Amino acid sequence: MKNYKYIYIAAMTMISAASMAQGLNSAYFTNDYKYRHDLNPAFGNDQNYVSFPGFGNINVKTMGNFGYEDIVFDNPMYPTESDKKKTTFMNPYIKDGLSGFNKGNNIIGSELSIAILSAGFKAFNGYNTIEVNSRTNVAGVLPYELFEFAKNTGNRTYNIGDINMEALSFAEVAFGHSHNIGKRLRIGAKIKILFGIADASFKFKNVTADLENSNKWTISGDAQANVSMKGFKYKSETKDYKSSTGTYERINNVDVNGAGLGGFGIAADLGGIYKVTQDFTLSAALLDLGFINWSNNMSAENNNKSFTFDGFHDVSVKSNGTNPIDNQTDKYSDQIANFVNLQDKGDKGRRKTSIGATANIGCEYSLPVYRKLTFGLLGSQRINGKYSWTEGRLSANIAPIKWLDGGMNVAVNTFTTSMGWILNIHPKGINLFIGMDHVLGKCSKEYIPLSSNASASFGFNITW
């Protein structure tokens, strides 16, 4: 990795790639979806199962209020004055380049969850699960004024505000159990042992940009990066002070030597289901209550709270069948390195980070005249500081025959309105499911979703 790619790639991943999710919310009310216990640990299954290694449960998801279609545009100069078909919103000939960005905060995040190995079985007067999962989260909060400054809509002072980004990757080993208490109440819990792979955060507070002359800006603000990862190091280059004599070291590169675990932690899931009547059920769960203790904290800050910057410049985007953003990584990341202007502060030692919790509250009603058809309402709240979000999802679910069930739903969340679905096939011996919390819309020629809201889940399991 070089030239701030650990920051840059995190941002571009959120914009241009579908990455990850804890579970498929569309399947919360699907009776024999094998991984309902990931959404509420009180849920059990009619069948025992063991996952096909690495393919039992794969969830990918992105959520946000801006995306690829707001960053990349058709080049108005093509083909007469440019050989590039695509350009970015910063191109001065794109007049409505800022129309896709929220006037407040622009939030985007992605999640990826892969069940490396999972099993569920009936024993100990209830239902039990054992899981080994790999999970990754990436999120960013970018103010509208940052994009406005990048496009440079006028030679004036920009009060950009705060820029926040984070990325987290870890593995978990989870042990779950659920059982009935009486005829109406069922409870469940999971204990998770967490193995930290990497955690990175970047904060740039109270950022302002003042025009110094026709092509120079004075950037002010407090920038800090913290990275916890085995073998991670910053690399620096020598720069001259602009306002005084002498030199200083500025980070322009990172390096990772070797691999290993960077931290350990623990988390818990708690859940309950209460059958009010034969046809009406309430449920609630609180997931991922936990933290990771990291063994190192590679810190970086901007020593000079004010420094000069040449401004962001548009780079023509290639469209030749490969990832258009990735082809220009070095050119953009050089600009980002100049903008954040960080200096290496060394290893600050141990630190503790949360993994972000999620609350689910659901109610389900089955039609007395045809109990194979049910309607459900699920409310979800992601609890993760600046990266929190809220969603409400209304679903219709049907199980026409014993080995087939599924449903469709509509959702309204912090970012958008979406439609989801789930198809779950589970005859004796196998289980195959596929679904989406957000139906995939239009894609670019490189198969990148134009919207930042995308979702896909699928899995294959052995049952008995």
Protein backbone atom coordinates (compact mmCIF):
# COMPACT_ATOMS: atom_id res chain seq x y z
CA MET A 1 0.00 0.00 0.00
CA LYS A 2 1.24 3.50 -0.69
CA ASN A 3 0.21 7.12 -0.81
CA TYR A 4 -2.59 6.95 1.78
CA LYS A 5 -4.28 4.03 0.09
CA TYR A 6 -5.43 2.80 3.50
CA ILE A 7 -7.63 5.92 3.64
CA TYR A 8 -8.30 6.34 -0.06
CA ILE A 9 -9.21 2.72 -0.82
CA ALA A 10 -11.55 2.67 2.16
CA ALA A 11 -13.43 5.64 0.73
CA MET A 12 -13.51 4.30 -2.81
CA THR A 13 -14.60 0.87 -1.59
CA MET A 14 -17.63 2.46 0.02
CA ILE A 15 -18.47 4.31 -3.18
CA SER A 16 -17.71 1.72 -5.85
CA ALA A 17 -18.00 -1.75 -4.36
CA ALA A 18 -20.67 -3.73 -2.57
CA SER A 19 -19.25 -4.84 0.71
CA MET A 20 -20.76 -6.50 3.73
CA ALA A 21 -23.58 -7.05 6.28
CA GLN A 22 -24.27 -8.81 9.60
CA GLY A 23 -27.43 -10.45 8.29
CA LEU A 24 -30.26 -10.39 5.78
CA ASN A 25 -33.02 -8.30 7.38
CA SER A 26 -35.43 -9.42 4.63
CA ALA A 27 -35.30 -12.92 6.16
CA TYR A 28 -36.13 -11.93 9.75
CA PHE A 29 -39.63 -13.41 9.44
CA THR A 30 -38.69 -16.36 7.17
CA ASN A 31 -39.39 -19.28 9.46
CA ASP A 32 -36.62 -21.73 8.54
CA TYR A 33 -33.95 -19.34 7.28
CA LYS A 34 -30.97 -21.00 8.94
CA TYR A 35 -29.26 -17.76 10.00
CA ARG A 36 -32.17 -16.01 11.71
CA HIS A 37 -30.16 -16.46 14.92
CA ASP A 38 -27.76 -13.80 13.56
CA LEU A 39 -30.68 -11.34 13.61
CA ASN A 40 -32.09 -12.49 16.94
CA PRO A 41 -30.35 -15.24 18.98
CA ALA A 42 -33.72 -16.43 20.33
CA PHE A 43 -34.66 -17.88 16.93
CA GLY A 44 -34.15 -21.59 16.37
CA ASN A 45 -34.64 -23.83 13.33
CA ASP A 46 -36.77 -26.83 12.45
CA GLN A 47 -33.70 -28.56 10.99
CA ASN A 48 -30.14 -29.12 12.13
CA TYR A 49 -27.55 -27.78 9.70
CA VAL A 50 -23.87 -27.43 8.97
CA SER A 51 -22.59 -24.88 6.48
CA PHE A 52 -20.62 -25.61 3.34
CA PRO A 53 -17.23 -24.11 4.36
CA GLY A 54 -16.98 -20.49 3.23
CA PHE A 55 -20.34 -20.56 1.41
CA GLY A 56 -22.89 -21.15 4.15
CA ASN A 57 -23.81 -17.49 4.60
CA ILE A 58 -22.33 -14.60 2.62
CA ASN A 59 -23.78 -11.13 3.12
CA VAL A 60 -22.66 -8.01 1.26
CA LYS A 61 -24.23 -4.60 1.66
CA THR A 62 -23.61 -0.90 1.14
CA MET A 63 -25.74 1.95 2.45
CA GLY A 64 -25.41 5.68 1.92
CA ASN A 65 -26.89 8.91 0.61
CA PHE A 66 -24.41 9.34 -2.28
CA GLY A 67 -22.64 6.95 -4.61
CA TYR A 68 -20.75 6.23 -7.82
CA GLU A 69 -23.24 8.08 -10.04
CA ASP A 70 -22.64 11.24 -8.00
CA ILE A 71 -18.85 10.99 -8.40
CA VAL A 72 -18.40 9.86 -12.01
CA PHE A 73 -20.03 11.59 -15.04
CA ASP A 74 -19.96 11.40 -18.82
CA ASN A 75 -17.17 13.66 -20.03
CA PRO A 76 -18.72 16.62 -21.92
CA MET A 77 -15.37 17.12 -23.70
CA TYR A 78 -15.47 13.64 -25.31
CA PRO A 79 -14.67 12.97 -28.12
CA THR A 80 -13.72 16.34 -29.59
CA GLU A 81 -11.40 17.65 -26.87
CA SER A 82 -10.69 14.56 -24.77
CA ASP A 83 -10.26 10.84 -25.40
CA LYS A 84 -11.71 9.94 -21.97
CA LYS A 85 -15.40 9.05 -21.90
CA LYS A 86 -15.76 9.58 -18.16
CA THR A 87 -14.75 12.30 -15.74
CA THR A 88 -15.50 13.26 -12.12
CA PHE A 89 -17.80 15.84 -10.54
CA MET A 90 -14.73 18.12 -10.20
CA ASN A 91 -14.56 18.70 -13.95
CA PRO A 92 -15.30 22.43 -14.45
CA TYR A 93 -17.51 21.61 -17.44
CA ILE A 94 -19.88 19.56 -15.23
CA LYS A 95 -22.30 22.26 -14.17
CA ASP A 96 -24.49 20.14 -11.87
CA GLY A 97 -21.60 18.19 -10.32
CA LEU A 98 -22.77 18.81 -6.74
CA SER A 99 -26.45 17.99 -7.27
CA GLY A 100 -26.11 14.42 -5.99
CA PHE A 101 -24.61 15.34 -2.61
CA ASN A 102 -26.58 15.96 0.56
CA LYS A 103 -26.37 19.58 1.78
CA GLY A 104 -25.53 18.29 5.26
CA ASN A 105 -23.44 15.20 5.96
CA ASN A 106 -22.81 12.67 3.21
CA ILE A 107 -22.72 9.25 4.85
CA ILE A 108 -21.71 5.99 3.27
CA GLY A 109 -20.85 2.59 4.70
CA SER A 110 -20.34 -1.00 3.75
CA GLU A 111 -20.41 -4.31 5.56
CA LEU A 112 -19.23 -7.80 4.66
CA SER A 113 -19.90 -10.96 6.63
CA ILE A 114 -18.79 -14.46 5.62
CA ALA A 115 -19.59 -17.61 7.57
CA ILE A 116 -16.36 -19.57 7.39
CA LEU A 117 -18.02 -22.41 9.30
CA SER A 118 -21.41 -22.58 11.01
CA ALA A 119 -23.59 -25.27 12.56
CA GLY A 120 -26.94 -25.40 14.33
CA PHE A 121 -28.43 -28.36 16.21
CA LYS A 122 -31.12 -29.27 18.71
CA ALA A 123 -29.77 -30.28 22.14
CA PHE A 124 -29.77 -29.24 25.80
CA ASN A 125 -33.53 -28.59 25.68
CA GLY A 126 -33.13 -25.94 22.99
CA TYR A 127 -31.33 -24.92 19.82
CA ASN A 128 -27.57 -24.35 19.69
CA THR A 129 -25.24 -22.66 17.23
CA ILE A 130 -21.49 -22.62 16.70
CA GLU A 131 -20.00 -20.14 14.23
CA VAL A 132 -16.69 -18.91 12.85
CA ASN A 133 -17.27 -15.68 10.92
CA SER A 134 -15.19 -13.06 9.13
CA ARG A 135 -16.54 -9.51 9.24
CA THR A 136 -15.48 -6.15 7.81
CA ASN A 137 -17.03 -2.69 8.23
CA VAL A 138 -16.13 0.54 6.44
CA ALA A 139 -17.87 3.89 6.93
CA GLY A 140 -17.38 7.58 6.26
CA VAL A 141 -19.08 10.90 7.05
CA LEU A 142 -18.12 13.64 4.60
CA PRO A 143 -19.60 17.19 4.77
CA TYR A 144 -21.12 18.79 1.67
CA GLU A 145 -18.57 21.61 1.91
CA LEU A 146 -15.73 19.15 1.23
CA PHE A 147 -17.17 18.31 -2.20
CA GLU A 148 -17.94 21.97 -2.79
CA PHE A 149 -14.32 22.85 -2.03
CA ALA A 150 -13.02 19.98 -4.20
CA LYS A 151 -15.00 21.35 -7.12
CA ASN A 152 -14.01 24.91 -6.12
CA THR A 153 -17.33 26.61 -6.86
CA GLY A 154 -15.92 30.02 -5.96
CA ASN A 155 -12.77 31.75 -4.70
CA ARG A 156 -13.90 32.16 -1.11
CA THR A 157 -13.44 30.74 2.38
CA TYR A 158 -14.83 27.22 2.83
CA ASN A 159 -15.90 26.15 6.33
CA ILE A 160 -15.69 22.46 5.62
CA GLY A 161 -16.41 21.12 9.13
CA ASP A 162 -15.49 17.60 10.27
CA ILE A 163 -14.38 14.67 8.12
CA ASN A 164 -14.65 11.17 9.64
CA MET A 165 -13.74 7.73 8.28
CA GLU A 166 -13.21 4.32 9.82
CA ALA A 167 -12.58 0.70 8.84
CA LEU A 168 -12.73 -2.44 10.99
CA SER A 169 -11.94 -6.07 10.21
CA PHE A 170 -12.18 -8.97 12.65
CA ALA A 171 -13.06 -12.64 13.01
CA GLU A 172 -15.40 -14.09 15.61
CA VAL A 173 -16.07 -17.45 17.18
CA ALA A 174 -19.64 -17.50 18.51
CA PHE A 175 -21.57 -19.91 20.72
CA GLY A 176 -25.35 -19.51 20.90
CA HIS A 177 -28.24 -21.14 22.72
CA SER A 178 -32.01 -20.53 22.75
CA HIS A 179 -34.89 -22.30 24.49
CA ASN A 180 -38.52 -21.89 25.47
CA ILE A 181 -39.68 -20.66 28.86
CA GLY A 182 -43.27 -21.80 29.16
CA LYS A 183 -45.52 -21.78 26.13
CA ARG A 184 -45.17 -18.15 25.07
CA LEU A 185 -41.66 -16.92 25.78
CA ARG A 186 -38.41 -17.94 24.09
CA ILE A 187 -35.03 -16.43 24.96
CA GLY A 188 -31.58 -16.71 23.43
CA ALA A 189 -28.02 -15.44 23.77
CA LYS A 190 -24.64 -15.66 22.08
CA ILE A 191 -21.15 -15.20 23.42
CA LYS A 192 -18.56 -14.11 20.84
CA ILE A 193 -14.80 -14.23 21.10
CA LEU A 194 -13.36 -11.56 18.80
CA PHE A 195 -10.01 -11.67 16.98
CA GLY A 196 -9.01 -8.24 15.71
CA ILE A 197 -7.32 -8.03 12.32
CA ALA A 198 -7.26 -4.27 11.70
CA ASP A 199 -8.90 -1.04 12.81
CA ALA A 200 -8.31 2.36 11.23
CA SER A 201 -9.90 5.72 11.92
CA PHE A 202 -9.32 9.18 10.46
CA LYS A 203 -10.70 12.44 11.84
CA PHE A 204 -10.16 15.94 10.48
CA LYS A 205 -11.92 18.46 12.74
CA ASN A 206 -12.92 22.08 12.15
CA VAL A 207 -11.49 22.16 8.63
CA THR A 208 -11.40 25.48 6.78
CA ALA A 209 -9.89 26.48 3.44
CA ASP A 210 -8.84 30.09 2.75
CA LEU A 211 -7.68 31.29 -0.65
CA GLU A 212 -4.05 32.44 -0.40
CA ASN A 213 -3.63 33.39 -4.06
CA SER A 214 -5.12 32.33 -7.38
CA ASN A 215 -3.99 28.71 -7.02
CA LYS A 216 -2.98 28.18 -3.36
CA TRP A 217 -5.13 27.48 -0.32
CA THR A 218 -4.43 27.64 3.42
CA ILE A 219 -5.95 24.59 5.09
CA SER A 220 -6.62 24.72 8.84
CA GLY A 221 -7.85 21.97 11.17
CA ASP A 222 -6.86 19.15 13.50
CA ALA A 223 -6.21 15.87 11.68
CA GLN A 224 -5.54 12.54 13.37
CA ALA A 225 -5.24 8.97 12.12
CA ASN A 226 -5.09 5.86 14.32
CA VAL A 227 -4.32 2.44 12.87
CA SER A 228 -4.17 -0.80 14.86
CA MET A 229 -2.80 -3.62 12.72
CA LYS A 230 -0.02 -6.14 13.09
CA GLY A 231 3.11 -5.07 11.18
CA PHE A 232 1.67 -1.69 10.11
CA LYS A 233 4.03 1.28 9.66
CA TYR A 234 3.85 4.74 8.14
CA LYS A 235 6.42 5.93 5.61
CA SER A 236 7.38 9.58 5.32
CA GLU A 237 8.98 12.04 2.95
CA THR A 238 10.87 15.26 3.73
CA LYS A 239 9.02 18.49 2.95
CA ASP A 240 10.02 22.16 3.21
CA TYR A 241 8.06 24.53 5.43
CA LYS A 242 6.15 27.04 3.31
CA SER A 243 6.14 29.89 5.82
CA SER A 244 9.56 29.42 7.48
CA THR A 245 12.94 27.82 6.95
CA GLY A 246 13.62 24.15 7.71
CA THR A 247 12.04 20.85 6.83
CA TYR A 248 9.61 18.36 8.34
CA GLU A 249 8.57 14.75 7.73
CA ARG A 250 5.16 14.10 6.15
CA ILE A 251 3.51 10.69 5.65
CA ASN A 252 3.14 9.74 2.01
CA ASN A 253 3.12 5.96 2.23
CA VAL A 254 2.26 3.01 4.46
CA ASP A 255 3.72 -0.46 4.75
CA VAL A 256 2.53 -3.76 6.25
CA ASN A 257 5.18 -6.36 7.07
CA GLY A 258 3.77 -9.74 7.97
CA ALA A 259 0.30 -10.59 9.20
CA GLY A 260 -1.28 -11.61 12.44
CA LEU A 261 -3.86 -10.73 15.05
CA GLY A 262 -3.82 -7.15 16.27
CA GLY A 263 -6.21 -7.52 19.18
CA PHE A 264 -8.73 -9.59 21.11
CA GLY A 265 -12.19 -8.87 22.45
CA ILE A 266 -15.56 -10.18 23.49
CA ALA A 267 -19.17 -9.44 22.54
CA ALA A 268 -22.68 -10.74 23.21
CA ASP A 269 -26.06 -10.99 21.46
CA LEU A 270 -29.28 -11.05 23.51
CA GLY A 271 -32.79 -11.74 22.25
CA GLY A 272 -36.33 -12.73 23.09
CA ILE A 273 -39.58 -13.79 21.38
CA TYR A 274 -43.03 -13.52 22.96
CA LYS A 275 -46.13 -15.12 21.43
CA VAL A 276 -48.95 -12.77 22.45
CA THR A 277 -51.64 -14.86 20.71
CA GLN A 278 -51.62 -17.73 18.27
CA ASP A 279 -51.35 -15.24 15.42
CA PHE A 280 -49.39 -12.31 16.90
CA THR A 281 -45.74 -12.43 17.97
CA LEU A 282 -43.33 -9.81 19.34
CA SER A 283 -39.54 -10.10 19.27
CA ALA A 284 -36.50 -8.01 20.16
CA ALA A 285 -32.72 -8.37 20.06
CA LEU A 286 -29.59 -6.41 20.90
CA LEU A 287 -26.58 -7.52 18.86
CA ASP A 288 -22.81 -7.00 19.05
CA LEU A 289 -22.51 -5.57 22.53
CA GLY A 290 -18.74 -5.69 22.77
CA PHE A 291 -15.29 -4.31 22.12
CA ILE A 292 -11.78 -5.20 20.95
CA ASN A 293 -8.57 -4.42 22.84
CA TRP A 294 -5.80 -3.63 20.32
CA SER A 295 -2.12 -4.20 21.09
CA ASN A 296 -0.87 -1.16 19.13
CA ASN A 297 -2.01 2.25 17.92
CA MET A 298 0.01 3.74 15.08
CA SER A 299 -0.86 7.40 15.46
CA ALA A 300 -0.42 10.30 13.03
CA GLU A 301 -1.31 13.99 13.36
CA ASN A 302 -0.86 17.23 11.46
CA ASN A 303 1.78 19.19 13.40
CA ASN A 304 1.06 22.31 11.39
CA LYS A 305 -2.54 23.30 12.02
CA SER A 306 -2.32 25.58 8.97
CA PHE A 307 -0.57 24.63 5.74
CA THR A 308 -0.77 25.37 2.03
CA PHE A 309 -2.55 23.13 -0.46
CA ASP A 310 -2.77 23.28 -4.24
CA GLY A 311 -6.41 22.19 -4.30
CA PHE A 312 -8.08 19.08 -5.69
CA HIS A 313 -7.83 18.55 -9.43
CA ASP A 314 -10.00 16.43 -11.67
CA VAL A 315 -8.42 13.32 -13.17
CA SER A 316 -10.08 11.84 -16.24
CA VAL A 317 -11.62 8.49 -15.49
CA LYS A 318 -10.75 5.62 -17.82
CA SER A 319 -13.51 3.36 -19.06
CA ASN A 320 -11.79 0.35 -20.56
CA GLY A 321 -13.38 -2.60 -18.80
CA THR A 322 -11.35 -2.31 -15.62
CA ASN A 323 -12.21 -0.50 -12.39
CA PRO A 324 -12.17 3.19 -13.45
CA ILE A 325 -11.42 4.54 -9.98
CA ASP A 326 -8.66 2.03 -9.22
CA ASN A 327 -6.73 3.03 -12.35
CA GLN A 328 -6.34 6.55 -10.95
CA THR A 329 -5.60 5.64 -7.32
CA ASP A 330 -2.08 7.08 -7.22
CA LYS A 331 -3.09 10.43 -8.74
CA TYR A 332 -5.99 10.95 -6.37
CA SER A 333 -4.18 9.64 -3.28
CA ASP A 334 -1.30 12.05 -3.87
CA GLN A 335 -3.82 14.88 -3.62
CA ILE A 336 -5.31 13.38 -0.45
CA ALA A 337 -1.82 13.07 1.10
CA ASN A 338 -1.23 16.77 0.46
CA PHE A 339 -4.63 17.68 1.90
CA VAL A 340 -4.40 15.80 5.23
CA ASN A 341 -0.66 16.55 5.76
CA LEU A 342 -0.03 13.99 8.53
CA GLN A 343 3.18 13.33 10.48
CA ASP A 344 4.06 10.01 12.11
CA LYS A 345 3.69 10.01 15.92
CA GLY A 346 4.71 6.40 16.45
CA ASP A 347 3.02 3.65 18.43
CA LYS A 348 0.84 5.05 21.24
CA GLY A 349 0.25 1.61 22.74
CA ARG A 350 -2.98 -0.19 23.52
CA ARG A 351 -6.45 1.13 22.74
CA LYS A 352 -10.02 -0.17 22.95
CA THR A 353 -12.72 0.19 20.27
CA SER A 354 -16.36 -0.92 20.10
CA ILE A 355 -17.63 -2.94 17.15
CA GLY A 356 -20.95 -1.09 16.86
CA ALA A 357 -24.23 -2.52 18.18
CA THR A 358 -27.56 -3.15 16.42
CA ALA A 359 -31.06 -3.29 17.93
CA ASN A 360 -33.89 -5.19 16.20
CA ILE A 361 -37.56 -5.00 17.23
CA GLY A 362 -40.13 -7.02 15.32
CA CYS A 363 -43.81 -7.90 15.31
CA GLU A 364 -45.46 -10.57 13.14
CA TYR A 365 -49.08 -11.35 12.36
CA SER A 366 -50.33 -14.49 10.61
CA LEU A 367 -53.67 -14.60 8.82
CA PRO A 368 -56.07 -16.84 10.79
CA VAL A 369 -57.72 -17.99 7.54
CA TYR A 370 -54.34 -18.88 5.95
CA ARG A 371 -51.53 -19.12 8.47
CA LYS A 372 -48.96 -19.87 5.80
CA LEU A 373 -49.07 -16.14 5.01
CA THR A 374 -47.72 -13.68 7.58
CA PHE A 375 -46.98 -9.97 7.73
CA GLY A 376 -44.06 -8.55 9.67
CA LEU A 377 -42.71 -5.16 10.72
CA LEU A 378 -39.05 -4.90 11.67
CA GLY A 379 -37.37 -1.83 13.14
CA SER A 380 -33.55 -1.76 13.16
CA GLN A 381 -31.24 0.77 14.79
CA ARG A 382 -27.50 0.74 14.17
CA ILE A 383 -25.76 2.24 17.22
CA ASN A 384 -22.31 3.42 16.19
CA GLY A 385 -21.88 7.13 16.87
CA LYS A 386 -21.63 9.25 13.71
CA TYR A 387 -22.14 6.09 11.63
CA SER A 388 -25.55 5.19 13.10
CA TRP A 389 -28.65 4.60 10.99
CA THR A 390 -32.32 3.67 11.39
CA GLU A 391 -34.54 1.42 9.26
CA GLY A 392 -38.16 0.26 9.19
CA ARG A 393 -39.06 -2.78 7.03
CA LEU A 394 -42.58 -4.09 6.24
CA SER A 395 -42.75 -7.61 4.81
CA ALA A 396 -45.16 -10.21 3.49
CA ASN A 397 -43.94 -13.78 4.04
CA ILE A 398 -45.27 -17.06 2.72
CA ALA A 399 -44.48 -20.75 3.21
CA PRO A 400 -46.65 -22.50 0.59
CA ILE A 401 -45.06 -25.91 1.13
CA LYS A 402 -42.98 -27.45 3.92
CA TRP A 403 -39.59 -27.10 2.20
CA LEU A 404 -40.06 -23.68 0.58
CA ASP A 405 -40.58 -20.23 2.05
CA GLY A 406 -39.70 -16.61 1.37
CA GLY A 407 -41.15 -13.16 1.05
CA MET A 408 -40.95 -9.61 -0.23
CA ASN A 409 -40.67 -6.34 1.67
CA VAL A 410 -40.26 -2.59 1.45
CA ALA A 411 -38.00 -0.53 3.71
CA VAL A 412 -37.40 3.11 4.57
CA ASN A 413 -34.09 3.96 6.20
CA THR A 414 -31.81 6.91 6.91
CA PHE A 415 -30.54 6.82 3.34
CA THR A 416 -33.22 5.65 0.93
CA THR A 417 -36.38 3.65 0.24
CA SER A 418 -35.76 0.11 -0.95
CA MET A 419 -37.38 -3.20 -1.82
CA GLY A 420 -36.06 -6.57 -0.63
CA TRP A 421 -36.81 -10.27 -1.02
CA ILE A 422 -35.77 -13.74 0.17
CA LEU A 423 -36.15 -17.23 -1.32
CA ASN A 424 -35.34 -20.10 1.06
CA ILE A 425 -35.28 -23.71 -0.21
CA HIS A 426 -34.81 -26.34 2.48
CA PRO A 427 -35.82 -29.92 1.63
CA LYS A 428 -34.29 -32.67 3.74
CA GLY A 429 -30.56 -32.80 3.08
CA ILE A 430 -29.82 -29.31 1.70
CA ASN A 431 -30.58 -25.65 2.22
CA LEU A 432 -30.10 -22.97 -0.43
CA PHE A 433 -31.12 -19.35 0.05
CA ILE A 434 -30.68 -16.11 -1.86
CA GLY A 435 -31.99 -12.64 -1.14
CA MET A 436 -31.46 -8.89 -1.12
CA ASP A 437 -32.30 -6.13 1.33
CA HIS A 438 -32.03 -3.65 -1.54
CA VAL A 439 -32.81 -4.72 -5.09
CA LEU A 440 -29.80 -3.97 -7.25
CA GLY A 441 -30.46 -1.07 -9.61
CA LYS A 442 -28.50 0.16 -12.60
CA CYS A 443 -24.79 -0.57 -12.84
CA SER A 444 -21.91 0.98 -14.74
CA LYS A 445 -20.21 -0.87 -17.60
CA GLU A 446 -17.76 -2.13 -14.98
CA TYR A 447 -20.75 -3.63 -13.02
CA ILE A 448 -20.42 -1.07 -10.21
CA PRO A 449 -23.84 -0.13 -8.71
CA LEU A 450 -24.63 3.50 -9.55
CA SER A 451 -26.29 3.96 -6.17
CA SER A 452 -24.42 3.32 -2.92
CA ASN A 453 -27.37 1.22 -1.70
CA ALA A 454 -26.89 -2.39 -2.73
CA SER A 455 -27.26 -5.78 -1.09
CA ALA A 456 -26.83 -9.47 -1.84
CA SER A 457 -26.98 -12.56 0.38
CA PHE A 458 -26.72 -16.24 -0.43
CA GLY A 459 -25.70 -19.53 1.16
CA PHE A 460 -25.56 -23.29 0.86
CA ASN A 461 -25.91 -25.65 3.84
CA ILE A 462 -26.28 -29.34 4.62
CA THR A 463 -29.37 -30.17 6.72
CA TRP A 464 -30.89 -33.11 8.56
